[in-house]
Protein backbone atom coordinates (compact mmCIF):
# COMPACT_ATOMS: atom_id res chain seq x y z
CA MET A 1 0.00 0.00 0.00
CA SER A 2 1.34 3.41 -0.99
CA ALA A 3 2.18 6.08 1.58
CA ALA A 4 -0.67 8.28 0.26
CA LYS A 5 -3.22 5.51 0.82
CA ARG A 6 -1.89 4.78 4.30
CA ARG A 7 -2.12 8.46 5.15
CA PHE A 8 -5.68 8.63 3.83
CA LEU A 9 -6.76 5.61 5.89
CA HIS A 10 -5.06 7.10 8.94
CA ASP A 11 -6.88 10.40 8.45
CA LEU A 12 -10.18 8.59 7.87
CA TRP A 13 -9.75 6.66 11.11
CA LYS A 14 -9.01 9.89 12.99
CA LEU A 15 -12.27 11.33 11.69
CA THR A 16 -14.30 8.23 12.50
CA LYS A 17 -12.82 6.98 15.77
CA PRO A 18 -13.91 9.77 18.16
CA TYR A 19 -17.62 9.14 17.60
CA TRP A 20 -17.36 5.39 18.11
CA LYS A 21 -15.49 5.96 21.38
CA SER A 22 -17.85 8.67 22.63
CA GLU A 23 -20.85 8.49 24.95
CA GLU A 24 -22.90 7.65 21.83
CA LYS A 25 -21.08 4.38 21.16
CA LEU A 26 -23.57 2.04 22.87
CA LYS A 27 -26.79 3.28 21.24
CA SER A 28 -25.18 3.91 17.89
CA GLY A 29 -23.36 0.59 18.06
CA LEU A 30 -26.66 -1.22 18.55
CA LEU A 31 -28.14 0.72 15.63
CA LEU A 32 -25.19 -0.24 13.44
CA VAL A 33 -25.48 -3.92 14.39
CA ALA A 34 -29.20 -3.84 13.55
CA ILE A 35 -28.50 -2.17 10.19
CA ILE A 36 -25.78 -4.68 9.30
CA GLY A 37 -28.08 -7.51 10.36
CA MET A 38 -30.78 -6.19 8.03
CA SER A 39 -28.24 -5.91 5.21
CA LEU A 40 -27.31 -9.56 5.72
CA GLY A 41 -31.02 -10.39 5.85
CA ILE A 42 -31.50 -8.74 2.45
CA VAL A 43 -28.66 -10.87 1.03
CA TYR A 44 -30.31 -14.00 2.46
CA LEU A 45 -33.64 -12.98 0.93
CA ASN A 46 -31.91 -12.53 -2.42
CA VAL A 47 -30.56 -16.08 -2.10
CA LEU A 48 -34.11 -17.30 -1.50
CA PHE A 49 -35.30 -15.31 -4.53
CA ASN A 50 -32.53 -16.93 -6.56
CA GLU A 51 -33.75 -20.42 -5.57
CA TRP A 52 -37.30 -19.31 -6.33
CA ASN A 53 -36.20 -18.35 -9.87
CA ASN A 54 -35.15 -21.94 -10.59
CA LEU A 55 -38.38 -23.44 -9.26
CA PHE A 56 -40.65 -20.84 -10.86
CA TYR A 57 -39.21 -21.01 -14.39
CA THR A 58 -39.05 -24.80 -14.20
CA SER A 59 -42.78 -24.83 -13.33
CA LEU A 60 -43.40 -22.68 -16.42
CA GLN A 61 -41.36 -25.00 -18.60
CA GLU A 62 -43.21 -28.05 -17.26
CA LYS A 63 -46.61 -26.24 -17.26
CA ASP A 64 -47.15 -27.22 -13.59
CA VAL A 65 -50.12 -25.01 -12.62
CA ALA A 66 -50.19 -26.03 -8.94
CA ALA A 67 -46.49 -25.35 -8.50
CA PHE A 68 -46.92 -22.06 -10.41
CA PHE A 69 -49.53 -20.67 -7.97
CA ARG A 70 -47.75 -22.09 -4.92
CA LEU A 71 -44.57 -20.33 -5.97
CA LEU A 72 -46.46 -17.06 -6.54
CA GLY A 73 -47.67 -17.28 -2.94
CA ARG A 74 -44.12 -17.93 -1.77
CA PHE A 75 -42.91 -14.94 -3.76
CA THR A 76 -45.54 -12.72 -2.12
CA ILE A 77 -44.38 -13.70 1.37
CA LEU A 78 -40.72 -13.12 0.47
CA ALA A 79 -41.55 -9.77 -1.17
CA VAL A 80 -43.45 -8.51 1.90
CA ILE A 81 -40.59 -9.48 4.20
CA PHE A 82 -38.09 -7.87 1.80
CA ILE A 83 -40.07 -4.60 1.73
CA ILE A 84 -40.30 -4.44 5.54
CA VAL A 85 -36.58 -5.11 6.00
CA ALA A 86 -35.59 -2.64 3.26
CA VAL A 87 -37.78 0.14 4.71
CA TYR A 88 -36.48 -0.22 8.26
CA GLN A 89 -32.90 -0.60 7.12
CA ILE A 90 -33.11 2.82 5.47
CA TYR A 91 -35.00 4.28 8.46
CA LEU A 92 -32.44 3.07 11.00
CA ARG A 93 -29.55 4.13 8.79
CA GLN A 94 -30.98 7.66 8.60
CA MET A 95 -31.40 7.62 12.38
CA LEU A 96 -27.74 6.67 12.84
CA GLN A 97 -26.76 9.25 10.22
CA ILE A 98 -28.39 12.19 11.98
CA ARG A 99 -27.06 11.11 15.40
CA TRP A 100 -23.53 10.88 14.06
CA ARG A 101 -23.85 14.17 12.15
CA ARG A 102 -25.23 15.98 15.21
CA TRP A 103 -22.36 14.76 17.41
CA LEU A 104 -19.66 15.53 14.85
CA THR A 105 -21.14 18.96 14.06
CA GLU A 106 -21.27 19.92 17.73
CA ARG A 107 -17.71 18.69 18.23
CA CYS A 108 -16.32 20.62 15.25
CA THR A 109 -18.31 23.75 16.11
CA HIS A 110 -17.03 23.62 19.69
CA ARG A 111 -13.42 23.23 18.54
CA TRP A 112 -13.81 25.96 15.92
CA LEU A 113 -15.28 28.34 18.52
CA THR A 114 -12.80 27.46 21.24
CA PRO A 115 -11.59 30.91 22.33
CA HIS A 116 -9.69 32.65 19.52
CA ASN A 117 -9.65 29.65 17.12
CA ALA A 118 -12.10 31.13 14.61
CA TYR A 119 -9.85 34.20 14.26
CA ARG A 120 -6.51 32.39 14.29
CA LEU A 121 -7.63 29.85 11.67
CA ARG A 122 -6.84 32.43 8.97
CA PHE A 123 -3.13 32.04 9.73
CA GLU A 124 -3.02 28.27 9.11
CA ASN A 125 -1.28 28.50 5.73
CA GLY A 126 -4.18 27.37 3.58
CA LEU A 127 -4.83 24.11 5.42
CA THR A 128 -8.51 24.93 5.30
CA ASP A 129 -10.84 27.39 3.63
CA ASN A 130 -14.49 28.21 4.24
CA PRO A 131 -14.89 26.57 7.69
CA ASP A 132 -18.63 27.28 7.50
CA GLN A 133 -18.87 24.88 4.56
CA ARG A 134 -16.80 22.23 6.35
CA ILE A 135 -19.29 22.26 9.23
CA SER A 136 -22.58 22.83 7.42
CA GLU A 137 -22.07 20.63 4.33
CA ASP A 138 -18.99 18.43 4.47
CA ILE A 139 -19.84 16.79 7.80
CA GLY A 140 -23.29 15.77 6.54
CA GLN A 141 -21.84 14.46 3.29
CA PHE A 142 -19.08 12.60 5.10
CA VAL A 143 -21.48 10.79 7.44
CA GLU A 144 -23.98 9.93 4.67
CA GLN A 145 -21.30 8.76 2.24
CA THR A 146 -19.36 6.79 4.85
CA LEU A 147 -22.42 4.85 5.99
CA SER A 148 -23.72 4.31 2.46
CA LEU A 149 -20.39 3.14 1.04
CA SER A 150 -19.34 0.98 3.99
CA LEU A 151 -22.71 -0.76 4.30
CA GLY A 152 -22.85 -1.21 0.54
CA PHE A 153 -19.38 -2.75 0.63
CA ILE A 154 -20.33 -5.17 3.42
CA GLU A 155 -23.49 -6.20 1.58
CA SER A 156 -21.50 -6.73 -1.63
CA VAL A 157 -18.89 -8.91 0.12
CA VAL A 158 -21.54 -11.11 1.76
CA SER A 159 -23.51 -11.27 -1.48
CA LEU A 160 -20.36 -12.26 -3.35
CA ALA A 161 -19.60 -15.07 -0.91
CA SER A 162 -23.16 -16.38 -0.95
CA PHE A 163 -23.75 -16.34 -4.69
CA SER A 164 -20.25 -17.51 -5.56
CA VAL A 165 -21.10 -20.83 -3.86
CA ILE A 166 -24.39 -21.02 -5.77
CA LEU A 167 -22.72 -20.11 -9.07
CA TRP A 168 -19.94 -22.64 -8.50
CA ASN A 169 -22.48 -25.40 -7.92
CA LEU A 170 -24.50 -24.41 -11.00
CA SER A 171 -21.51 -24.05 -13.32
CA GLY A 172 -20.29 -26.80 -15.58
CA ASP A 173 -16.69 -27.57 -16.41
CA ILE A 174 -14.85 -25.87 -19.21
CA HIS A 175 -11.85 -27.43 -20.88
CA LEU A 176 -8.68 -25.45 -21.41
CA LEU A 177 -5.82 -27.33 -23.10
CA ASN A 178 -7.76 -30.54 -22.46
CA LEU A 179 -7.84 -29.80 -18.74
CA PRO A 180 -11.28 -29.56 -17.05
CA ILE A 181 -11.74 -26.32 -15.11
CA PRO A 182 -14.73 -26.34 -12.74
CA GLY A 183 -16.82 -23.27 -11.87
CA SER A 184 -16.74 -21.75 -15.33
CA MET A 185 -19.49 -19.20 -14.63
CA LEU A 186 -17.76 -18.01 -11.46
CA TRP A 187 -14.44 -17.52 -13.26
CA ALA A 188 -16.22 -15.68 -16.06
CA ALA A 189 -17.85 -13.33 -13.54
CA LEU A 190 -14.52 -12.70 -11.81
CA LEU A 191 -12.75 -11.87 -15.06
CA TYR A 192 -15.60 -9.67 -16.30
CA ALA A 193 -15.88 -7.60 -13.12
CA GLY A 194 -12.12 -7.45 -12.54
CA ALA A 195 -11.46 -6.03 -15.99
CA GLY A 196 -14.31 -3.55 -15.53
CA SER A 197 -12.98 -2.35 -12.16
CA LEU A 198 -9.49 -1.71 -13.51
CA LEU A 199 -10.78 0.24 -16.50
CA THR A 200 -13.17 2.26 -14.31
CA HIS A 201 -10.34 3.27 -11.99
CA TYR A 202 -8.18 4.30 -14.93
CA ILE A 203 -10.95 6.41 -16.51
CA GLY A 204 -12.44 7.92 -13.35
CA ARG A 205 -9.40 8.62 -11.16
CA PRO A 206 -9.19 12.36 -12.05
CA LEU A 207 -12.71 12.83 -10.66
CA ILE A 208 -11.31 12.79 -7.11
CA ARG A 209 -9.29 15.96 -7.62
CA LEU A 210 -11.99 17.59 -9.75
CA ASN A 211 -14.67 17.02 -7.11
CA PHE A 212 -12.40 18.50 -4.45
CA LEU A 213 -11.82 21.61 -6.57
CA GLN A 214 -15.52 21.94 -7.39
CA GLN A 215 -16.47 22.13 -3.72
CA ARG A 216 -13.77 24.73 -3.13
CA TYR A 217 -14.81 26.91 -6.06
CA GLU A 218 -18.48 26.67 -5.10
CA ALA A 219 -17.66 27.73 -1.54
CA ASP A 220 -15.52 30.67 -2.69
CA TYR A 221 -18.28 31.87 -4.99
CA ARG A 222 -20.91 31.57 -2.25
CA PHE A 223 -18.66 33.42 0.22
CA ASN A 224 -18.26 36.35 -2.18
CA LEU A 225 -22.01 36.47 -2.78
CA VAL A 226 -22.52 36.79 0.98
CA ARG A 227 -19.92 39.58 1.15
CA VAL A 228 -21.77 41.53 -1.53
CA ARG A 229 -25.06 41.07 0.31
CA GLU A 230 -23.58 42.22 3.62
CA ASN A 231 -21.85 45.24 2.06
CA ALA A 232 -24.53 46.22 -0.44
CA GLU A 233 -24.82 49.76 0.94
CA ALA A 234 -21.12 50.56 0.69
CA ILE A 235 -20.88 48.99 -2.76
CA GLY A 236 -23.86 51.05 -3.93
CA LEU A 237 -22.41 54.30 -2.55
CA TYR A 238 -19.09 53.64 -4.27
CA GLY A 239 -20.88 52.69 -7.47
CA GLY A 240 -18.91 49.46 -7.40
CA GLU A 241 -21.61 47.14 -8.73
CA LYS A 242 -19.78 46.54 -12.02
CA GLN A 243 -16.52 45.67 -10.27
CA GLU A 244 -18.35 43.30 -7.93
CA ALA A 245 -20.20 41.72 -10.86
CA ASP A 246 -16.87 41.22 -12.67
CA GLU A 247 -15.33 39.65 -9.57
CA LEU A 248 -18.30 37.34 -9.09
CA SER A 249 -18.18 36.44 -12.78
CA PHE A 250 -14.50 35.56 -12.40
CA ARG A 251 -15.22 33.39 -9.35
CA PHE A 252 -18.11 31.67 -11.10
CA ARG A 253 -15.93 31.08 -14.17
CA ASN A 254 -13.81 28.77 -12.02
CA VAL A 255 -16.97 26.88 -11.05
CA VAL A 256 -18.03 26.54 -14.70
CA MET A 257 -14.62 25.56 -16.08
CA ASN A 258 -14.07 22.90 -13.43
CA TRP A 259 -17.63 21.65 -13.99
CA TRP A 260 -16.85 21.21 -17.70
CA ASP A 261 -13.80 19.15 -16.74
CA ILE A 262 -16.03 17.00 -14.51
CA MET A 263 -18.58 16.63 -17.33
CA ARG A 264 -15.97 15.48 -19.82
CA ARG A 265 -14.47 12.98 -17.41
CA GLN A 266 -17.90 11.81 -16.27
CA LYS A 267 -18.95 11.34 -19.90
CA ARG A 268 -16.02 9.00 -20.52
CA LEU A 269 -16.82 7.07 -17.37
CA THR A 270 -20.52 6.86 -18.27
CA TRP A 271 -19.72 5.60 -21.77
CA PHE A 272 -17.85 2.72 -20.22
CA SER A 273 -20.09 2.01 -17.21
CA ALA A 274 -23.31 2.13 -19.27
CA GLY A 275 -21.88 -0.24 -21.88
CA TYR A 276 -20.51 -2.47 -19.15
CA SER A 277 -23.92 -2.66 -17.42
CA GLN A 278 -25.79 -3.45 -20.62
CA ALA A 279 -23.32 -6.15 -21.61
CA ALA A 280 -23.70 -7.67 -18.12
CA VAL A 281 -27.36 -8.47 -18.91
CA ILE A 282 -26.46 -10.68 -21.89
CA PHE A 283 -23.09 -12.02 -20.77
CA PRO A 284 -24.33 -14.71 -18.31
CA PHE A 285 -26.81 -16.11 -20.86
CA LEU A 286 -24.05 -16.20 -23.44
CA VAL A 287 -21.74 -18.13 -21.12
CA ALA A 288 -24.43 -20.49 -19.79
CA SER A 289 -26.22 -21.12 -23.11
CA PRO A 290 -24.08 -24.15 -24.11
CA LEU A 291 -25.18 -25.94 -20.92
CA TYR A 292 -28.85 -25.14 -21.61
CA PHE A 293 -28.83 -26.10 -25.28
CA SER A 294 -26.96 -29.30 -24.49
CA GLY A 295 -29.71 -30.23 -22.02
CA SER A 296 -27.44 -30.14 -18.97
CA ILE A 297 -29.73 -27.60 -17.27
CA GLN A 298 -33.39 -26.66 -17.64
CA LEU A 299 -34.85 -23.18 -18.14
CA GLY A 300 -35.10 -22.73 -14.36
CA GLY A 301 -31.42 -23.61 -14.00
CA LEU A 302 -30.53 -21.16 -16.74
CA MET A 303 -32.48 -18.36 -15.07
CA GLN A 304 -31.04 -19.19 -11.64
CA THR A 305 -27.55 -19.22 -13.13
CA ALA A 306 -28.12 -15.87 -14.82
CA SER A 307 -29.51 -14.42 -11.58
CA ALA A 308 -26.60 -15.75 -9.50
CA PHE A 309 -24.14 -14.46 -12.08
CA GLY A 310 -25.83 -11.06 -11.91
CA HIS A 311 -25.45 -10.95 -8.11
CA VAL A 312 -21.79 -12.02 -8.25
CA GLN A 313 -21.05 -9.59 -11.05
CA SER A 314 -22.90 -6.82 -9.22
CA ALA A 315 -20.98 -7.51 -6.01
CA LEU A 316 -17.68 -7.55 -7.86
CA SER A 317 -18.70 -4.40 -9.73
CA TRP A 318 -19.48 -2.48 -6.55
CA PHE A 319 -16.29 -0.53 -7.08
CA ILE A 320 -17.39 0.42 -10.61
CA ASP A 321 -20.89 1.50 -9.57
CA ALA A 322 -19.61 3.42 -6.53
CA TYR A 323 -16.59 5.02 -8.16
CA THR A 324 -18.12 8.46 -8.62
CA ARG A 325 -19.40 8.43 -5.03
CA LEU A 326 -15.99 7.22 -3.82
CA ALA A 327 -14.36 10.15 -5.61
CA ALA A 328 -16.75 12.64 -3.98
CA TRP A 329 -16.32 10.91 -0.60
CA LYS A 330 -12.51 11.09 -0.75
CA ALA A 331 -12.72 14.79 -1.62
CA THR A 332 -14.99 15.32 1.40
CA VAL A 333 -12.63 13.39 3.67
CA ASP A 334 -9.67 15.43 2.42
CA ARG A 335 -11.45 18.70 3.18
CA LEU A 336 -12.49 17.58 6.66
CA THR A 337 -9.06 16.21 7.52
CA GLY A 338 -7.56 19.55 6.43
CA PHE A 339 -9.98 21.31 8.77
CA GLU A 340 -9.16 18.89 11.59
CA ALA A 341 -5.43 19.34 10.99
CA ALA A 342 -5.79 23.13 11.21
CA LEU A 343 -7.72 22.84 14.49
CA GLU A 344 -5.11 20.42 15.86
CA ASN A 345 -2.35 22.86 14.94
CA LEU A 346 -4.19 25.60 16.81
CA ALA A 347 -4.60 23.35 19.84
CA ALA A 348 -0.88 22.48 19.77
CA ARG A 349 -0.03 26.19 19.71
CA ARG A 350 -2.56 27.18 22.35
CA GLY A 351 0.17 28.87 24.37
CA GLU A 352 1.19 31.24 21.58
CA GLY A 353 0.71 34.93 22.16
CA LEU A 354 0.96 36.71 25.47
CA ASP A 355 1.64 34.61 28.54
CA ARG A 356 -1.49 35.38 30.57
CA GLU A 357 -1.28 35.10 34.34
CA HIS A 358 -4.16 35.67 36.76
CA ASP A 359 -2.87 36.83 40.13
CA PRO A 360 -5.38 37.26 43.01
CA ALA A 361 -3.01 39.77 44.59
CA ALA A 362 -2.69 41.93 41.47
CA THR A 363 -4.25 45.39 41.75
CA GLY A 364 -3.99 46.32 38.08
CA MET A 365 -3.17 45.06 34.62
CA HIS A 366 0.58 44.71 34.15
CA LEU A 367 2.16 44.12 30.72
CA HIS A 368 5.81 43.03 30.79
CA ASP A 369 8.23 42.94 27.84
CA LEU A 370 5.53 43.10 25.14
CA ARG A 371 6.60 42.00 21.65
CA LEU A 372 4.37 42.31 18.57
CA SER A 373 5.27 40.81 15.18
CA LEU A 374 3.68 40.45 11.76
CA PRO A 375 2.50 37.01 10.51
CA HIS A 376 5.33 36.49 8.04
CA ASP A 377 8.14 38.87 8.86
CA GLY A 378 8.84 42.09 10.70
CA THR A 379 8.60 43.29 14.30
CA LEU A 380 6.13 46.02 15.20
CA LEU A 381 6.88 46.55 18.85
CA SER A 382 9.40 45.14 21.30
CA GLY A 383 10.53 45.46 24.90
CA THR A 384 7.47 47.42 26.03
CA SER A 385 6.07 47.34 29.54
CA PHE A 386 2.82 48.98 30.53
CA THR A 387 0.53 49.21 33.59
CA LEU A 388 -3.17 50.04 33.72
CA SER A 389 -4.63 50.62 37.18
CA PRO A 390 -8.29 50.20 38.20
CA GLY A 391 -10.27 53.32 37.31
CA GLU A 392 -7.42 54.72 35.19
CA ARG A 393 -8.09 55.95 31.66
CA VAL A 394 -5.33 55.94 29.03
CA MET A 395 -5.54 57.15 25.43
CA LEU A 396 -3.52 55.22 22.83
CA THR A 397 -2.46 57.22 19.77
CA GLY A 398 -0.22 56.84 16.76
CA PRO A 399 -0.26 56.82 12.94
CA SER A 400 -2.61 54.44 11.13
CA GLY A 401 -1.06 51.01 10.63
CA CYS A 402 1.42 51.24 13.48
CA GLY A 403 -0.17 48.37 15.40
CA LYS A 404 -2.63 49.91 17.84
CA SER A 405 -5.46 47.50 16.98
CA THR A 406 -2.92 44.64 16.88
CA LEU A 407 -2.00 45.52 20.47
CA PHE A 408 -5.68 45.16 21.40
CA ARG A 409 -5.83 41.80 19.62
CA ALA A 410 -2.81 40.64 21.62
CA LEU A 411 -4.41 41.80 24.88
CA GLY A 412 -7.58 39.94 23.92
CA GLY A 413 -5.63 36.73 23.20
CA LEU A 414 -6.33 36.78 19.45
CA TRP A 415 -2.93 37.70 18.04
CA PRO A 416 -0.61 34.66 18.06
CA PHE A 417 2.47 36.62 16.95
CA ALA A 418 3.00 38.26 20.31
CA GLY A 419 5.23 37.68 23.29
CA GLY A 420 5.57 38.90 26.83
CA ARG A 421 3.61 38.47 30.02
CA LEU A 422 0.23 39.89 31.00
CA VAL A 423 -0.62 39.81 34.71
CA MET A 424 -4.08 40.80 35.92
CA PRO A 425 -6.56 40.01 38.71
CA GLU A 426 -8.75 36.92 38.60
CA ASN A 427 -12.39 36.78 37.45
CA GLU A 428 -12.71 40.37 36.27
CA ARG A 429 -14.68 41.17 33.12
CA ILE A 430 -12.93 42.53 30.05
CA LEU A 431 -14.87 44.14 27.21
CA PHE A 432 -13.65 45.32 23.81
CA LEU A 433 -15.58 47.96 21.83
CA PRO A 434 -14.34 47.78 18.20
CA GLN A 435 -14.90 50.45 15.59
CA LYS A 436 -17.52 48.23 13.91
CA PRO A 437 -19.47 46.49 16.69
CA TYR A 438 -20.62 42.90 16.27
CA LEU A 439 -24.40 42.58 16.41
CA PRO A 440 -25.77 39.01 16.29
CA ILE A 441 -28.97 38.19 14.40
CA THR A 442 -31.23 38.10 17.44
CA THR A 443 -33.57 40.34 19.42
CA LEU A 444 -32.42 43.89 20.10
CA ALA A 445 -32.32 43.10 23.83
CA ASP A 446 -29.95 40.18 23.29
CA ALA A 447 -27.85 42.22 20.85
CA ALA A 448 -27.48 45.01 23.43
CA ALA A 449 -26.52 42.61 26.24
CA TYR A 450 -24.16 40.45 24.09
CA PRO A 451 -22.28 38.35 25.09
CA ASP A 452 -24.58 38.15 28.12
CA ALA A 453 -28.15 36.95 27.77
CA ALA A 454 -30.81 39.68 27.95
CA ASP A 455 -32.44 37.90 30.91
CA ARG A 456 -29.37 38.66 32.99
CA HIS A 457 -30.17 42.40 32.94
CA GLY A 458 -33.89 42.68 32.31
CA PRO A 459 -35.81 44.80 29.77
CA GLU A 460 -36.09 47.88 32.00
CA THR A 461 -32.32 48.05 32.59
CA ILE A 462 -31.58 47.50 28.89
CA ALA A 463 -34.10 50.18 27.85
CA ALA A 464 -32.56 52.62 30.34
CA ALA A 465 -29.05 51.97 28.97
CA LEU A 466 -30.25 52.53 25.40
CA THR A 467 -31.95 55.76 26.42
CA ASP A 468 -28.83 57.01 28.22
CA CYS A 469 -26.82 56.38 25.03
CA GLY A 470 -29.23 58.30 22.78
CA LEU A 471 -31.21 55.32 21.47
CA SER A 472 -34.57 55.93 23.16
CA HIS A 473 -36.30 55.49 19.78
CA LEU A 474 -35.29 51.81 19.83
CA THR A 475 -36.65 50.86 23.26
CA SER A 476 -39.97 49.70 21.80
CA LEU A 477 -38.10 47.18 19.60
CA LEU A 478 -36.37 45.17 22.34
CA ASP A 479 -38.21 41.94 21.49
CA GLU A 480 -37.85 42.25 17.72
CA GLU A 481 -35.36 40.00 15.89
CA ARG A 482 -33.59 41.59 12.93
CA HIS A 483 -30.28 41.90 11.12
CA TRP A 484 -29.38 44.85 13.34
CA ASP A 485 -26.07 45.52 11.59
CA GLN A 486 -28.10 46.19 8.43
CA THR A 487 -30.92 48.03 10.23
CA LEU A 488 -28.92 50.48 12.34
CA SER A 489 -26.49 53.11 11.11
CA VAL A 490 -22.84 52.74 12.13
CA GLY A 491 -23.31 55.60 14.59
CA GLU A 492 -26.30 53.85 16.17
CA GLN A 493 -24.31 50.64 16.36
CA GLN A 494 -21.53 52.44 18.20
CA ARG A 495 -24.07 53.94 20.63
CA LEU A 496 -25.41 50.42 21.16
CA SER A 497 -21.93 49.17 22.03
CA PHE A 498 -21.63 51.87 24.71
CA ALA A 499 -24.99 50.75 26.10
CA ARG A 500 -23.50 47.24 26.16
CA ALA A 501 -20.58 48.57 28.22
CA LEU A 502 -22.97 50.19 30.72
CA LEU A 503 -24.90 46.91 31.10
CA ILE A 504 -21.87 44.65 31.50
CA ALA A 505 -19.87 47.17 33.58
CA PRO A 506 -16.48 45.54 32.91
CA ARG A 507 -13.46 46.20 35.08
CA TRP A 508 -11.32 46.65 31.95
CA LEU A 509 -12.68 48.40 28.85
CA PHE A 510 -10.80 48.67 25.54
CA CYS A 511 -12.24 51.10 22.99
CA ASP A 512 -10.83 50.84 19.44
CA GLU A 513 -12.03 54.09 17.80
CA ALA A 514 -15.41 53.17 19.24
CA THR A 515 -16.86 56.64 18.52
CA SER A 516 -15.36 57.23 15.06
CA ALA A 517 -18.80 57.44 13.39
CA LEU A 518 -20.18 59.96 15.90
CA ASP A 519 -19.99 63.74 16.01
CA GLU A 520 -17.79 65.37 18.64
CA THR A 521 -20.73 66.34 20.88
CA SER A 522 -22.10 62.78 20.94
CA GLU A 523 -18.60 61.39 21.48
CA LYS A 524 -18.09 63.62 24.53
CA ALA A 525 -21.52 62.71 25.89
CA LEU A 526 -20.81 58.97 25.69
CA TYR A 527 -17.37 59.25 27.29
CA SER A 528 -18.82 61.44 30.03
CA LEU A 529 -21.35 58.69 30.62
CA LEU A 530 -18.57 56.12 30.99
CA VAL A 531 -16.63 58.31 33.38
CA THR A 532 -19.70 58.94 35.54
CA ARG A 533 -21.30 55.49 35.50
CA LEU A 534 -18.16 53.32 35.50
CA PRO A 535 -15.71 55.11 37.81
CA GLU A 536 -13.90 51.87 38.78
CA THR A 537 -13.46 50.72 35.18
CA ALA A 538 -10.00 51.07 33.63
CA ILE A 539 -10.29 52.33 30.04
CA LEU A 540 -7.73 52.10 27.24
CA SER A 541 -8.91 54.05 24.16
CA ILE A 542 -7.53 54.14 20.65
CA SER A 543 -8.40 57.50 19.11
CA HIS A 544 -7.17 60.05 16.59
CA ARG A 545 -9.28 62.86 18.07
CA PRO A 546 -7.45 65.18 20.50
CA ALA A 547 -10.76 66.15 22.16
CA LEU A 548 -10.94 62.73 23.83
CA ALA A 549 -7.74 63.42 25.75
CA ALA A 550 -9.87 65.38 28.23
CA PHE A 551 -11.44 62.11 29.43
CA HIS A 552 -8.13 60.29 30.06
CA HIS A 553 -5.39 60.52 32.65
CA ARG A 554 -2.47 59.46 30.46
CA VAL A 555 -1.56 59.15 26.80
CA ALA A 556 0.49 56.33 25.25
CA ARG A 557 1.97 57.12 21.84
CA PHE A 558 3.38 54.82 19.15
CA VAL A 559 6.62 56.52 18.11
CA PRO A 560 8.64 55.34 15.05
CA THR A 561 12.15 54.05 15.71
CA GLY A 562 13.45 54.02 12.14
CA GLY A 563 14.62 50.42 12.50
CA ALA A 564 13.52 47.11 13.93
CA PRO A 565 11.34 47.06 15.90
CA ALA A 566 9.42 49.64 13.90
CA TRP A 567 7.74 51.35 16.87
CA ARG A 568 8.18 52.06 20.55
CA LEU A 569 5.57 53.09 23.10
CA GLU A 570 5.98 56.36 25.02
CA THR A 571 3.63 57.34 27.86
CA GLY A 572 2.96 60.68 29.47
CA MET A 573 0.46 62.47 31.66
CA ILE A 574 -2.42 64.57 30.35
CA ALA A 575 -2.95 68.01 31.86
CA GLU A 576 -5.56 68.29 34.60
CA ASN A 577 -9.06 68.60 33.14
CA PRO A 578 -12.51 68.71 34.78
CA ALA A 579 -13.62 65.80 32.59
CA VAL A 580 -11.01 63.56 34.19
CA GLY A 581 -12.38 62.25 37.46
């Protein structure tokens, strides 16, 4: 076995093993045993149908009316049993499928949303793309395809063993170089299906890569469609519809071109598989006809032989019939294993970034020997130490692109390319107010309280916070569920984030140009509200507006060094001002 195949089987086992060792293993194991038992029961029923073929066609040849009607009754009983088993096999398989999918989806979602993973996944060097598709589509396809293919394979193996014995017993000898060779029909079936499998693999092998690429191109196209929908206002104001249409057309061109490649390859495979299937109808009669015309077997024996040959050939041809599904399945497994590998890499590097230490005796937030780097090369900041005391307010300034927001990402645990030690008290809330607040698709009350639940604060408290922040016109909409980031202006969203700060009342508040969309009067009103209502909260604000200095005790400036590292941090006091409590 090649190294690539061993690696694929290893990856497949890593995907499959966790579920069958989880708390679900007993119930799902019983379901799987029942499903396999029903599959074996269907094979046994097919054996009984095969015997029935011999008896039924012999009764027709001999014009035995009594046997004819007796065998029709027997067929009816077998058919009813077959229908019941087939229906419940599918039903139980779907039950196992949704249980497995639910467990695997919850597991992947939990690992993806382990703190900071969703953000850091972008730095995993292309190991995975479109994680939403991996979770929403690929997991479902993987479970469905794995169960379908594995159960189909088991049924084919058992069917092959059962009907090979029947076909061996029905076959006559053939003579090759004057040597009698028993089991002629069985050897014919083996040669026929073996040749077909080899040719199918040769023709259809490129479908594996093409199916993988198709899923990727489809996901990229869908992702860009969503981006256009979410940024329709900005695109319209820029008049960028033509550029977006051109970009979408380019993305969709990849979908179409790869689809044409799949069509051409699929056409070649269908030419062969369709011809192979049609020839399989005639082939057993052609091979068995000498025995029938010589009188060695009757019509019933001929029909039983043809039926047994069909089952053996079908079992041996499982690979041919399932090749397209196998190609799609392998592409799905490859995408999921890439996603799993990326998540494992993140777990292995969990300690990257700032070394965070919670000290019960600490009275403030202490940053020691901070180092900030870029993902590929270059150092932004190095050798910086900084202290933020409870109730202290510091304004962070510097040119655009110097790393102010990156510093916030490092403090929040997002930025992996950071070093140093962060010491702070235990169990104290931290809240970040970005320039563009995140508003989940939920009720306005839940959006205002996020990440808390609205029930934690109550509608009266939430309404009061909204009113204090200049959003009194929204208090009647607390129970309405909308896309609030598309309903509210950016200024209203920023006011909502300040209401969120009042509700949560964090001990440490980081504002990243959180009032950039507001006028100066509104900005001053909101910061005055923070100073008055949250006197014990330490605030670190990124801002380019000098007017906000009045609400802070100190200023920390990013100053260029002209070398590496590119910037250093200088701190200084702000002159006494009535706004500073």
